[in-house]
């Protein structure tokens, strides 16, 4: 999957955000929706954490983006 693939969603967690809360919210939502990400990558930089999540379908990615406003 490439970064510009419509099945990819990117979540930014800044240094001032609560990482545990954010990741917990993502995991709970995925579990409730019975969605298993196809890919999950993280990267850390000076601004915070970036989570790149790949989904099996565009519809799953769109639902995720709508829920988390990304």
N, C-alpha and C. Protein backbone atom coordinates (compact mmCIF):
# COMPACT_ATOMS: atom_id res chain seq x y z
N UNK A 1 0.85 -1.19 0.00
CA UNK A 1 0.00 0.00 0.00
C UNK A 1 0.88 1.23 0.00
N UNK A 2 0.52 2.19 -0.80
CA UNK A 2 1.29 3.43 -0.81
C UNK A 2 0.58 4.48 0.04
N UNK A 3 1.34 5.48 0.42
CA UNK A 3 0.83 6.54 1.29
C UNK A 3 -0.38 7.24 0.69
N UNK A 4 -0.48 7.29 -0.64
CA UNK A 4 -1.59 7.98 -1.31
C UNK A 4 -2.76 7.06 -1.63
N UNK A 5 -2.68 5.83 -1.20
CA UNK A 5 -3.73 4.85 -1.40
C UNK A 5 -4.95 5.27 -0.57
N UNK A 6 -6.14 5.19 -1.14
CA UNK A 6 -7.35 5.61 -0.42
C UNK A 6 -7.73 4.63 0.68
N UNK A 7 -7.03 3.50 0.78
CA UNK A 7 -7.25 2.56 1.88
C UNK A 7 -6.38 2.88 3.10
N UNK A 8 -5.62 3.96 3.03
CA UNK A 8 -4.71 4.37 4.10
C UNK A 8 -5.31 5.55 4.87
N UNK A 9 -5.22 5.49 6.20
CA UNK A 9 -5.60 6.61 7.06
C UNK A 9 -4.40 6.94 7.93
N UNK A 10 -4.18 8.22 8.16
CA UNK A 10 -3.04 8.67 8.95
C UNK A 10 -3.56 9.42 10.17
N UNK A 11 -3.09 9.02 11.34
CA UNK A 11 -3.47 9.66 12.60
C UNK A 11 -2.21 10.29 13.17
N UNK A 12 -2.27 11.59 13.47
CA UNK A 12 -1.16 12.31 14.11
C UNK A 12 -1.47 12.44 15.59
N UNK A 13 -0.50 12.12 16.42
CA UNK A 13 -0.61 12.31 17.86
C UNK A 13 0.52 13.25 18.24
N UNK A 14 0.16 14.49 18.57
CA UNK A 14 1.19 15.47 18.91
C UNK A 14 1.74 15.19 20.30
N UNK A 15 2.83 15.85 20.61
CA UNK A 15 3.45 15.67 21.94
C UNK A 15 2.52 16.10 23.07
N UNK A 16 1.55 16.96 22.79
CA UNK A 16 0.64 17.42 23.83
C UNK A 16 -0.60 16.55 23.95
N UNK A 17 -0.84 15.66 22.98
CA UNK A 17 -1.97 14.72 23.04
C UNK A 17 -1.64 13.58 23.98
N UNK A 18 -2.67 12.91 24.43
CA UNK A 18 -2.48 11.74 25.29
C UNK A 18 -2.42 10.49 24.41
N UNK A 19 -1.23 9.95 24.23
CA UNK A 19 -1.02 8.81 23.34
C UNK A 19 -1.88 7.62 23.75
N UNK A 20 -1.88 7.27 25.01
CA UNK A 20 -2.64 6.11 25.48
C UNK A 20 -4.12 6.24 25.19
N UNK A 21 -4.67 7.41 25.43
CA UNK A 21 -6.10 7.65 25.16
C UNK A 21 -6.41 7.52 23.69
N UNK A 22 -5.57 8.12 22.87
CA UNK A 22 -5.78 8.09 21.43
C UNK A 22 -5.72 6.65 20.91
N UNK A 23 -4.68 5.93 21.27
CA UNK A 23 -4.53 4.56 20.79
C UNK A 23 -5.64 3.65 21.32
N UNK A 24 -6.06 3.88 22.55
CA UNK A 24 -7.15 3.10 23.12
C UNK A 24 -8.45 3.35 22.35
N UNK A 25 -8.71 4.60 22.03
CA UNK A 25 -9.92 4.93 21.26
C UNK A 25 -9.91 4.27 19.90
N UNK A 26 -8.76 4.28 19.25
CA UNK A 26 -8.62 3.64 17.94
C UNK A 26 -8.87 2.14 18.06
N UNK A 27 -8.23 1.50 19.03
CA UNK A 27 -8.37 0.05 19.20
C UNK A 27 -9.81 -0.34 19.53
N UNK A 28 -10.44 0.40 20.44
CA UNK A 28 -11.82 0.09 20.81
C UNK A 28 -12.73 0.20 19.60
N UNK A 29 -12.57 1.28 18.83
CA UNK A 29 -13.42 1.47 17.64
C UNK A 29 -13.20 0.34 16.64
N UNK A 30 -11.94 0.00 16.37
CA UNK A 30 -11.65 -1.09 15.43
C UNK A 30 -12.29 -2.40 15.90
N UNK A 31 -12.17 -2.69 17.19
CA UNK A 31 -12.75 -3.93 17.73
C UNK A 31 -14.27 -3.91 17.61
N UNK A 32 -14.89 -2.79 17.96
CA UNK A 32 -16.36 -2.70 17.88
C UNK A 32 -16.85 -2.86 16.44
N UNK A 33 -16.08 -2.38 15.49
CA UNK A 33 -16.46 -2.47 14.08
C UNK A 33 -16.04 -3.80 13.46
N UNK A 34 -15.30 -4.60 14.25
CA UNK A 34 -14.77 -5.89 13.77
C UNK A 34 -13.89 -5.70 12.53
N UNK A 35 -13.06 -4.66 12.60
CA UNK A 35 -12.14 -4.34 11.51
C UNK A 35 -10.73 -4.69 11.95
N UNK A 36 -10.06 -5.47 11.14
CA UNK A 36 -8.66 -5.83 11.39
C UNK A 36 -7.82 -5.07 10.36
N UNK A 37 -7.01 -4.10 10.80
CA UNK A 37 -6.17 -3.38 9.84
C UNK A 37 -5.26 -4.33 9.07
N UNK A 38 -5.04 -4.01 7.81
CA UNK A 38 -4.14 -4.79 6.98
C UNK A 38 -2.69 -4.42 7.28
N UNK A 39 -2.51 -3.20 7.78
CA UNK A 39 -1.17 -2.68 8.02
C UNK A 39 -1.26 -1.62 9.11
N UNK A 40 -0.26 -1.57 9.96
CA UNK A 40 -0.22 -0.56 11.03
C UNK A 40 1.24 -0.20 11.25
N UNK A 41 1.59 1.04 10.93
CA UNK A 41 2.97 1.50 11.08
C UNK A 41 2.99 2.76 11.93
N UNK A 42 4.05 2.92 12.69
CA UNK A 42 4.23 4.14 13.47
C UNK A 42 5.58 4.77 13.14
N UNK A 43 5.62 6.08 13.28
CA UNK A 43 6.86 6.82 13.10
C UNK A 43 6.86 7.96 14.12
N UNK A 44 8.01 8.22 14.69
CA UNK A 44 8.15 9.28 15.69
C UNK A 44 9.06 10.37 15.12
N UNK A 45 8.65 11.62 15.34
CA UNK A 45 9.50 12.75 14.96
C UNK A 45 9.40 13.80 16.06
N UNK A 46 9.97 14.95 15.85
CA UNK A 46 10.01 16.01 16.87
C UNK A 46 8.61 16.51 17.24
N UNK A 47 7.65 16.35 16.33
CA UNK A 47 6.29 16.84 16.57
C UNK A 47 5.42 15.84 17.32
N UNK A 48 5.78 14.56 17.28
CA UNK A 48 4.97 13.54 17.94
C UNK A 48 5.01 12.22 17.20
N UNK A 49 3.89 11.54 17.16
CA UNK A 49 3.79 10.20 16.59
C UNK A 49 2.83 10.23 15.40
N UNK A 50 3.17 9.52 14.35
CA UNK A 50 2.29 9.34 13.21
C UNK A 50 1.97 7.86 13.09
N UNK A 51 0.68 7.53 13.06
CA UNK A 51 0.23 6.16 12.85
C UNK A 51 -0.37 6.09 11.46
N UNK A 52 0.16 5.20 10.64
CA UNK A 52 -0.36 4.97 9.30
C UNK A 52 -1.05 3.62 9.33
N UNK A 53 -2.36 3.65 9.06
CA UNK A 53 -3.17 2.45 9.17
C UNK A 53 -3.71 2.10 7.79
N UNK A 54 -3.43 0.88 7.35
CA UNK A 54 -3.93 0.40 6.08
C UNK A 54 -5.12 -0.51 6.29
N UNK A 55 -6.16 -0.31 5.51
CA UNK A 55 -7.38 -1.09 5.61
C UNK A 55 -7.55 -1.97 4.38
N UNK A 56 -8.38 -2.99 4.50
CA UNK A 56 -8.62 -3.89 3.38
C UNK A 56 -9.51 -3.27 2.31
N UNK A 57 -10.30 -2.28 2.70
CA UNK A 57 -11.20 -1.65 1.72
C UNK A 57 -11.23 -0.14 1.92
N UNK A 58 -11.62 0.55 0.87
CA UNK A 58 -11.78 2.01 0.94
C UNK A 58 -12.90 2.35 1.91
N UNK A 59 -13.95 1.54 1.92
CA UNK A 59 -15.09 1.79 2.81
C UNK A 59 -14.66 1.76 4.27
N UNK A 60 -13.82 0.78 4.66
CA UNK A 60 -13.32 0.73 6.04
C UNK A 60 -12.49 1.97 6.36
N UNK A 61 -11.63 2.35 5.45
CA UNK A 61 -10.78 3.53 5.66
C UNK A 61 -11.64 4.79 5.77
N UNK A 62 -12.65 4.91 4.92
CA UNK A 62 -13.55 6.08 4.98
C UNK A 62 -14.30 6.14 6.30
N UNK A 63 -14.76 5.01 6.78
CA UNK A 63 -15.46 4.97 8.09
C UNK A 63 -14.52 5.38 9.21
N UNK A 64 -13.28 4.91 9.15
CA UNK A 64 -12.29 5.27 10.16
C UNK A 64 -12.01 6.78 10.12
N UNK A 65 -11.78 7.30 8.93
CA UNK A 65 -11.48 8.73 8.79
C UNK A 65 -12.66 9.58 9.30
N UNK A 66 -13.88 9.15 9.02
CA UNK A 66 -15.06 9.88 9.50
C UNK A 66 -15.14 9.86 11.03
N UNK A 67 -14.83 8.72 11.62
CA UNK A 67 -14.89 8.60 13.07
C UNK A 67 -13.82 9.43 13.77
N UNK A 68 -12.62 9.45 13.21
CA UNK A 68 -11.50 10.11 13.87
C UNK A 68 -11.12 11.43 13.22
N UNK A 69 -11.93 11.89 12.28
CA UNK A 69 -11.74 13.21 11.65
C UNK A 69 -10.32 13.39 11.15
N UNK A 70 -9.83 12.40 10.39
CA UNK A 70 -8.48 12.49 9.81
C UNK A 70 -8.55 12.48 8.30
